[in-house]
Amino acid sequence: MKPLSFKRHRFPADVIRYAVWLYFRFSLSLRDVESLLAERGIEVSYETIRCWTKKFGPAIARRLKKLRPSPSPRWHLDEVVCRIGGRHMYLWRAVDDEGEVLELLVQRRRDTRAARKFLERLLRRQPIEPETITTDGLSSYSAALRALDLEHLHRPGRLRENNRAENSHLPVRQRERRMQGLKNQPSAQRFLSTHAAVYNTFSVQRHLISRPNLRRFRAEAHAAWAKATA
């Protein structure tokens, strides 16, 4: 894996990595990250931190995704309305049955064409083929899967069985409120894709595991982050 280049930056690489990690790992604003760094004696403006997140965030996300194991073949799909730049848009999201975020896409429409575009992107970027695809009752999913010859995998209209996808929207809703909305479609896509990769790495479901396992999973997550940002 080719190392990231932090050349021509006034601040050390460790400071940049830490600032980017804080912003994507926790529900913090850029000004919150600025304050946390200032408490540690590092004077940097929130606009500089914004530039760091835009430059290094997507590259780190791609590296984290490569380090993840193959997801489960049982997929859950859902879409949620978002207000981006004063317009209603739709965030299409796919997760596996363990809560791993597989793919997301911000689109203006919620029709068959949009569903097919999302499914094609999802299938193209996954290392495995799906065994089942669970969705809500939106008819666009059925039409898109039928066009892709995947209708036999579809499990439509089972709301309780699609709780995985429904619950996966909660971290994004928290960030959306903290950021006071998303500004435009490209920046929303970039931020949400990076946020999903970091979330997959550090989400350890602490309420389901013992304390020794929690420490081990945390250590593995930080090791993956260190490798991705080396």
Protein backbone atom coordinates (compact mmCIF):
# COMPACT_ATOMS: atom_id res chain seq x y z
CA MET A 1 0.00 0.00 0.00
CA LYS A 2 1.52 3.29 -1.12
CA PRO A 3 2.04 5.63 1.87
CA LEU A 4 0.15 8.90 2.14
CA SER A 5 2.18 12.01 1.46
CA PHE A 6 2.04 14.81 4.03
CA LYS A 7 4.66 16.95 2.29
CA ARG A 8 4.30 20.72 2.09
CA HIS A 9 2.15 20.83 5.22
CA ARG A 10 3.19 23.08 8.07
CA PHE A 11 1.89 20.71 10.74
CA PRO A 12 3.34 17.25 11.47
CA ALA A 13 1.65 14.20 9.98
CA ASP A 14 0.56 12.95 13.42
CA VAL A 15 -1.42 16.15 14.03
CA ILE A 16 -3.17 15.89 10.66
CA ARG A 17 -4.01 12.23 11.17
CA TYR A 18 -5.37 12.92 14.65
CA ALA A 19 -7.54 15.83 13.48
CA VAL A 20 -9.01 13.81 10.61
CA TRP A 21 -9.69 10.87 12.96
CA LEU A 22 -11.47 13.07 15.49
CA TYR A 23 -13.71 14.62 12.85
CA PHE A 24 -14.86 11.40 11.22
CA ARG A 25 -14.85 9.19 14.31
CA PHE A 26 -16.99 11.35 16.60
CA SER A 27 -19.97 13.70 16.15
CA LEU A 28 -17.79 16.80 16.28
CA SER A 29 -17.86 19.99 14.26
CA LEU A 30 -14.72 21.46 12.75
CA ARG A 31 -14.69 24.06 15.51
CA ASP A 32 -14.92 21.32 18.13
CA VAL A 33 -11.83 19.67 16.66
CA GLU A 34 -10.08 23.04 16.65
CA SER A 35 -10.85 23.45 20.36
CA LEU A 36 -9.61 19.95 21.23
CA LEU A 37 -6.33 20.58 19.42
CA ALA A 38 -5.97 23.99 21.09
CA GLU A 39 -6.32 22.33 24.52
CA ARG A 40 -3.27 20.27 23.56
CA GLY A 41 -1.32 23.37 22.57
CA ILE A 42 -1.86 23.03 18.79
CA GLU A 43 -3.13 26.26 17.25
CA VAL A 44 -4.82 25.48 13.94
CA SER A 45 -7.92 27.03 12.37
CA TYR A 46 -11.05 25.04 11.57
CA GLU A 47 -10.67 25.99 7.88
CA THR A 48 -7.31 24.23 7.81
CA ILE A 49 -8.91 21.17 9.38
CA ARG A 50 -11.62 21.32 6.68
CA CYS A 51 -8.91 21.21 4.01
CA TRP A 52 -7.28 18.21 5.72
CA THR A 53 -10.56 16.28 5.84
CA LYS A 54 -11.28 16.98 2.17
CA LYS A 55 -7.78 16.04 1.02
CA PHE A 56 -7.02 13.01 3.18
CA GLY A 57 -10.47 11.69 4.12
CA PRO A 58 -11.38 9.94 0.83
CA ALA A 59 -7.89 8.42 0.47
CA ILE A 60 -7.99 7.05 4.00
CA ALA A 61 -11.51 5.69 3.41
CA ARG A 62 -10.36 3.74 0.34
CA ARG A 63 -7.50 2.23 2.31
CA LEU A 64 -9.71 1.28 5.25
CA LYS A 65 -12.14 -0.42 2.88
CA LYS A 66 -9.35 -2.54 1.41
CA LEU A 67 -8.36 -3.68 4.90
CA ARG A 68 -11.88 -4.86 5.80
CA PRO A 69 -12.77 -8.57 5.55
CA SER A 70 -15.40 -9.67 3.05
CA PRO A 71 -18.92 -8.73 4.18
CA SER A 72 -21.86 -11.03 4.69
CA PRO A 73 -23.80 -12.00 1.51
CA ARG A 74 -27.13 -11.11 3.17
CA TRP A 75 -27.79 -7.51 2.26
CA HIS A 76 -30.31 -4.91 3.46
CA LEU A 77 -31.19 -1.83 1.40
CA ASP A 78 -33.01 1.33 2.37
CA GLU A 79 -33.30 4.96 1.37
CA VAL A 80 -33.92 8.04 3.49
CA VAL A 81 -34.74 11.61 2.56
CA CYS A 82 -32.14 14.29 3.38
CA ARG A 83 -32.13 18.03 2.97
CA ILE A 84 -28.97 18.99 1.12
CA GLY A 85 -28.36 22.55 0.00
CA GLY A 86 -32.00 23.41 0.63
CA ARG A 87 -33.28 20.58 -1.58
CA HIS A 88 -34.83 17.23 -0.76
CA MET A 89 -32.51 14.40 -1.82
CA TYR A 90 -32.31 10.69 -1.08
CA LEU A 91 -29.53 8.76 0.60
CA TRP A 92 -29.53 5.16 -0.64
CA ARG A 93 -27.72 2.79 1.70
CA ALA A 94 -26.83 -0.90 1.75
CA VAL A 95 -25.64 -2.81 4.82
CA ASP A 96 -25.07 -6.49 5.52
CA ASP A 97 -26.79 -8.43 8.29
CA GLU A 98 -23.99 -7.52 10.73
CA GLY A 99 -24.39 -3.77 10.21
CA GLU A 100 -21.38 -3.26 7.91
CA VAL A 101 -22.05 -0.35 5.55
CA LEU A 102 -21.50 -1.73 2.05
CA GLU A 103 -22.33 1.24 -0.15
CA LEU A 104 -24.19 4.54 -0.15
CA LEU A 105 -25.21 6.96 -2.85
CA VAL A 106 -26.82 10.40 -2.74
CA GLN A 107 -29.36 10.91 -5.54
CA ARG A 108 -32.10 13.37 -6.40
CA ARG A 109 -34.74 10.78 -7.24
CA ARG A 110 -36.37 7.72 -5.71
CA ASP A 111 -37.48 5.91 -8.85
CA THR A 112 -36.51 2.71 -10.68
CA ARG A 113 -33.65 4.38 -12.52
CA ALA A 114 -32.13 5.60 -9.26
CA ALA A 115 -32.59 2.17 -7.64
CA ARG A 116 -30.90 0.43 -10.56
CA LYS A 117 -27.98 2.86 -10.55
CA PHE A 118 -27.47 2.22 -6.85
CA LEU A 119 -27.69 -1.57 -7.24
CA GLU A 120 -25.23 -1.61 -10.13
CA ARG A 121 -22.78 0.45 -8.10
CA LEU A 122 -23.27 -1.84 -5.09
CA LEU A 123 -22.73 -5.06 -7.08
CA ARG A 124 -19.70 -3.67 -8.88
CA ARG A 125 -17.90 -2.69 -5.68
CA GLN A 126 -18.45 -5.80 -3.57
CA PRO A 127 -16.08 -8.79 -3.53
CA ILE A 128 -18.93 -11.31 -3.13
CA GLU A 129 -22.31 -12.03 -4.67
CA PRO A 130 -25.46 -11.55 -2.57
CA GLU A 131 -27.54 -14.43 -1.27
CA THR A 132 -30.54 -12.32 -0.24
CA ILE A 133 -31.47 -8.66 -0.71
CA THR A 134 -33.99 -7.37 1.83
CA THR A 135 -35.73 -4.04 1.19
CA ASP A 136 -38.81 -2.13 2.25
CA GLY A 137 -41.96 -2.08 0.12
CA LEU A 138 -40.70 0.47 -2.42
CA SER A 139 -41.63 -0.87 -5.87
CA SER A 140 -38.53 0.66 -7.47
CA TYR A 141 -36.39 -2.06 -5.87
CA SER A 142 -38.49 -4.82 -7.43
CA ALA A 143 -38.34 -3.24 -10.88
CA ALA A 144 -34.59 -2.62 -10.69
CA LEU A 145 -33.80 -6.15 -9.44
CA ARG A 146 -36.02 -7.63 -12.13
CA ALA A 147 -34.07 -5.68 -14.76
CA LEU A 148 -30.81 -7.05 -13.31
CA ASP A 149 -32.12 -10.66 -13.16
CA LEU A 150 -31.84 -10.70 -9.38
CA GLU A 151 -35.52 -10.84 -8.52
CA HIS A 152 -35.14 -14.35 -7.03
CA LEU A 153 -32.92 -12.84 -4.26
CA HIS A 154 -35.41 -10.17 -3.29
CA ARG A 155 -37.14 -10.16 0.11
CA PRO A 156 -39.50 -7.15 -0.15
CA GLY A 157 -41.83 -5.44 2.26
CA ARG A 158 -40.64 -7.03 5.50
CA LEU A 159 -40.17 -4.00 7.71
CA ARG A 160 -38.96 -5.79 10.84
CA GLU A 161 -36.41 -7.82 8.90
CA ASN A 162 -35.01 -4.61 7.41
CA ASN A 163 -34.20 -3.00 10.78
CA ARG A 164 -30.50 -3.33 10.01
CA ALA A 165 -30.78 -0.79 7.20
CA GLU A 166 -33.19 1.42 9.13
CA ASN A 167 -30.89 1.63 12.16
CA SER A 168 -27.83 2.35 10.01
CA HIS A 169 -29.22 5.83 9.27
CA LEU A 170 -28.97 6.93 12.92
CA PRO A 171 -25.24 7.89 12.96
CA VAL A 172 -25.74 9.94 9.80
CA ARG A 173 -28.74 11.72 11.30
CA GLN A 174 -26.62 12.64 14.33
CA ARG A 175 -23.87 14.07 12.13
CA GLU A 176 -26.39 15.88 9.96
CA ARG A 177 -27.78 17.71 12.98
CA ARG A 178 -24.31 18.50 14.30
CA MET A 179 -23.20 19.90 10.94
CA GLN A 180 -26.48 21.87 10.59
CA GLY A 181 -27.22 20.16 7.31
CA LEU A 182 -25.16 19.09 4.31
CA LYS A 183 -24.19 21.77 1.80
CA ASN A 184 -24.30 20.12 -1.64
CA GLN A 185 -24.47 16.71 -3.28
CA PRO A 186 -20.73 16.16 -4.06
CA SER A 187 -19.57 17.19 -0.59
CA ALA A 188 -22.33 15.09 1.02
CA GLN A 189 -21.27 12.03 -1.00
CA ARG A 190 -17.62 12.55 -0.10
CA PHE A 191 -18.27 13.05 3.61
CA LEU A 192 -20.75 10.18 3.98
CA SER A 193 -18.51 7.71 2.13
CA THR A 194 -15.56 8.57 4.37
CA HIS A 195 -17.72 8.51 7.49
CA ALA A 196 -19.02 5.04 6.55
CA ALA A 197 -15.50 3.62 6.17
CA VAL A 198 -14.41 4.99 9.56
CA TYR A 199 -17.65 3.83 11.15
CA ASN A 200 -17.14 0.28 9.85
CA THR A 201 -13.65 0.19 11.30
CA PHE A 202 -14.44 1.49 14.79
CA SER A 203 -17.98 0.19 15.38
CA VAL A 204 -17.45 -2.73 17.76
CA GLN A 205 -20.97 -3.13 19.26
CA ARG A 206 -19.67 -2.88 22.82
CA HIS A 207 -23.01 -3.89 24.39
CA LEU A 208 -22.75 -7.36 22.82
CA ILE A 209 -19.18 -8.32 23.77
CA SER A 210 -17.05 -8.77 26.85
CA ARG A 211 -14.50 -6.23 28.04
CA PRO A 212 -11.44 -8.24 26.87
CA ASN A 213 -12.96 -8.59 23.40
CA LEU A 214 -13.73 -4.87 23.36
CA ARG A 215 -10.09 -4.06 24.09
CA ARG A 216 -8.95 -6.45 21.36
CA PHE A 217 -11.36 -5.06 18.77
CA ARG A 218 -10.35 -1.50 19.63
CA ALA A 219 -6.69 -2.37 19.24
CA GLU A 220 -7.38 -3.96 15.84
CA ALA A 221 -9.34 -0.88 14.73
CA HIS A 222 -6.53 1.49 15.72
CA ALA A 223 -4.00 -0.77 14.01
CA ALA A 224 -6.06 -0.63 10.81
CA TRP A 225 -6.23 3.17 11.08
CA ALA A 226 -2.47 3.39 11.60
CA LYS A 227 -1.85 1.22 8.56
CA ALA A 228 -4.29 3.18 6.38
CA THR A 229 -2.77 6.52 7.36
CA ALA A 230 0.89 5.50 7.36
